[in-house]
Protein backbone atom coordinates (compact mmCIF):
# COMPACT_ATOMS: atom_id res chain seq x y z
CA MET A 1 0.00 0.00 0.00
CA LYS A 2 2.83 2.40 0.82
CA THR A 3 4.42 1.69 -2.55
CA LEU A 4 1.16 2.48 -4.33
CA SER A 5 0.77 5.75 -2.39
CA PHE A 6 4.37 6.74 -3.10
CA SER A 7 3.95 5.97 -6.80
CA LEU A 8 0.78 8.03 -6.93
CA VAL A 9 2.49 11.02 -5.28
CA VAL A 10 5.42 10.81 -7.71
CA LEU A 11 3.03 10.62 -10.66
CA VAL A 12 1.08 13.68 -9.47
CA LEU A 13 4.28 15.67 -8.93
CA PHE A 14 5.52 14.74 -12.41
CA PHE A 15 2.19 15.82 -13.93
CA VAL A 16 2.16 19.17 -12.09
CA SER A 17 5.77 19.95 -13.02
CA SER A 18 5.14 19.18 -16.70
CA ILE A 19 2.15 21.55 -16.75
CA ASN A 20 4.27 24.28 -15.15
CA ALA A 21 7.07 23.77 -17.67
CA GLN A 22 4.60 23.96 -20.53
CA SER A 23 3.10 27.25 -19.33
CA SER A 24 6.60 28.75 -18.92
CA GLY A 25 7.41 27.82 -22.50
CA ASP A 26 4.19 29.43 -23.72
CA LYS A 27 5.12 32.71 -22.02
CA ALA A 28 8.50 32.73 -23.74
CA GLN A 29 6.86 32.09 -27.10
CA ASN A 30 4.53 35.08 -26.67
CA LYS A 31 7.45 37.49 -26.43
CA LYS A 32 7.43 40.10 -29.20
CA THR A 33 10.59 40.42 -31.24
CA ALA A 34 11.69 42.49 -34.20
CA LYS A 35 13.82 41.47 -37.15
CA THR A 36 15.94 43.73 -39.32
CA THR A 37 18.63 43.42 -41.97
CA VAL A 38 21.73 45.63 -41.83
CA ASN A 39 24.47 46.25 -44.38
CA ILE A 40 27.99 45.53 -43.16
CA GLU A 41 30.86 47.12 -45.06
CA GLY A 42 34.45 46.00 -44.54
CA MET A 43 34.09 42.23 -44.13
CA THR A 44 36.61 40.39 -46.30
CA CYS A 45 36.93 36.92 -44.76
CA GLN A 46 35.41 34.42 -42.35
CA SER A 47 37.40 35.92 -39.49
CA CYS A 48 35.59 39.22 -40.11
CA VAL A 49 32.26 37.38 -39.96
CA ASN A 50 33.30 35.77 -36.66
CA THR A 51 34.23 39.18 -35.23
CA VAL A 52 30.89 40.69 -36.26
CA GLU A 53 29.03 37.70 -34.79
CA LYS A 54 30.94 38.08 -31.53
CA GLN A 55 30.02 41.77 -31.33
CA LEU A 56 26.36 41.04 -32.07
CA GLY A 57 26.34 38.34 -29.41
CA GLN A 58 27.48 40.88 -26.80
CA ILE A 59 24.54 43.22 -27.39
CA ASP A 60 21.87 42.82 -24.72
CA GLY A 61 18.56 42.18 -26.46
CA VAL A 62 19.94 40.59 -29.63
CA ILE A 63 18.34 37.15 -29.78
CA LYS A 64 19.51 35.66 -33.06
CA TYR A 65 21.60 36.73 -36.05
CA ASP A 66 22.79 35.43 -39.39
CA VAL A 67 25.85 37.21 -40.81
CA SER A 68 26.56 36.73 -44.53
CA LEU A 69 29.96 37.45 -46.07
CA GLU A 70 28.54 36.94 -49.57
CA LYS A 71 25.72 39.47 -49.10
CA ASN A 72 27.71 41.77 -46.77
CA ASP A 73 24.78 41.91 -44.39
CA ALA A 74 23.25 40.45 -41.26
CA VAL A 75 19.70 39.49 -40.43
CA ILE A 76 19.17 40.29 -36.76
CA GLU A 77 16.31 39.29 -34.48
CA TYR A 78 16.09 41.34 -31.30
CA ASP A 79 13.92 42.38 -28.38
CA PRO A 80 12.75 45.95 -29.15
CA LYS A 81 12.27 46.61 -25.42
CA LYS A 82 16.01 46.19 -24.85
CA VAL A 83 17.70 47.37 -28.05
CA ASP A 84 16.94 49.09 -31.35
CA GLU A 85 18.63 49.45 -34.74
CA LYS A 86 20.43 52.64 -33.69
CA LYS A 87 22.00 50.94 -30.66
CA ILE A 88 23.08 48.03 -32.84
CA GLU A 89 24.76 50.45 -35.28
CA GLU A 90 26.45 52.29 -32.38
CA LYS A 91 28.03 49.03 -31.18
CA PHE A 92 30.10 49.04 -34.38
CA LYS A 93 31.03 52.74 -34.26
CA ASP A 94 34.65 52.06 -33.26
CA SER A 95 35.09 48.88 -35.29
CA PRO A 96 36.53 48.51 -38.79
CA TYR A 97 33.05 47.58 -40.05
CA LYS A 98 30.41 50.09 -41.08
CA VAL A 99 26.95 48.87 -40.13
CA SER A 100 23.84 50.58 -41.48
CA ALA A 101 20.21 49.56 -41.70
CA LYS A 102 19.04 48.46 -45.12
CA LYS A 103 16.16 50.35 -46.64
CA ILE A 104 13.64 47.64 -45.83
CA GLU A 105 10.96 47.73 -43.21
CA THR A 106 11.68 46.16 -39.86
CA GLU A 107 9.44 43.16 -39.21
CA LYS A 108 7.74 42.63 -35.87
CA THR A 109 7.17 39.02 -34.97
CA GLU A 110 5.58 37.22 -32.06
CA LYS A 111 7.33 34.26 -30.54
């Protein structure tokens, strides 16, 4: 009988924790993000791409990025409550790379 009671308690705890984890994931998915594409002048090799990626990764609010040497640009997904395009450009002010927003509209997405 004790084994059955213990098993039932463990099962209930597992069920409750899985519901809690699911609701936490739903909250994270409802977070609004923005996506923009910026031109990057001055990249000549993969090392340049790595440097730009490192700088983007250090910006609070930047969630995801894809830097392209071939296109000389980066697609950046960010939290508009923490950072904006101007702050992203300012991060590269003292670097050998010139970063400027492309003339396309910034997308707002819900995650």
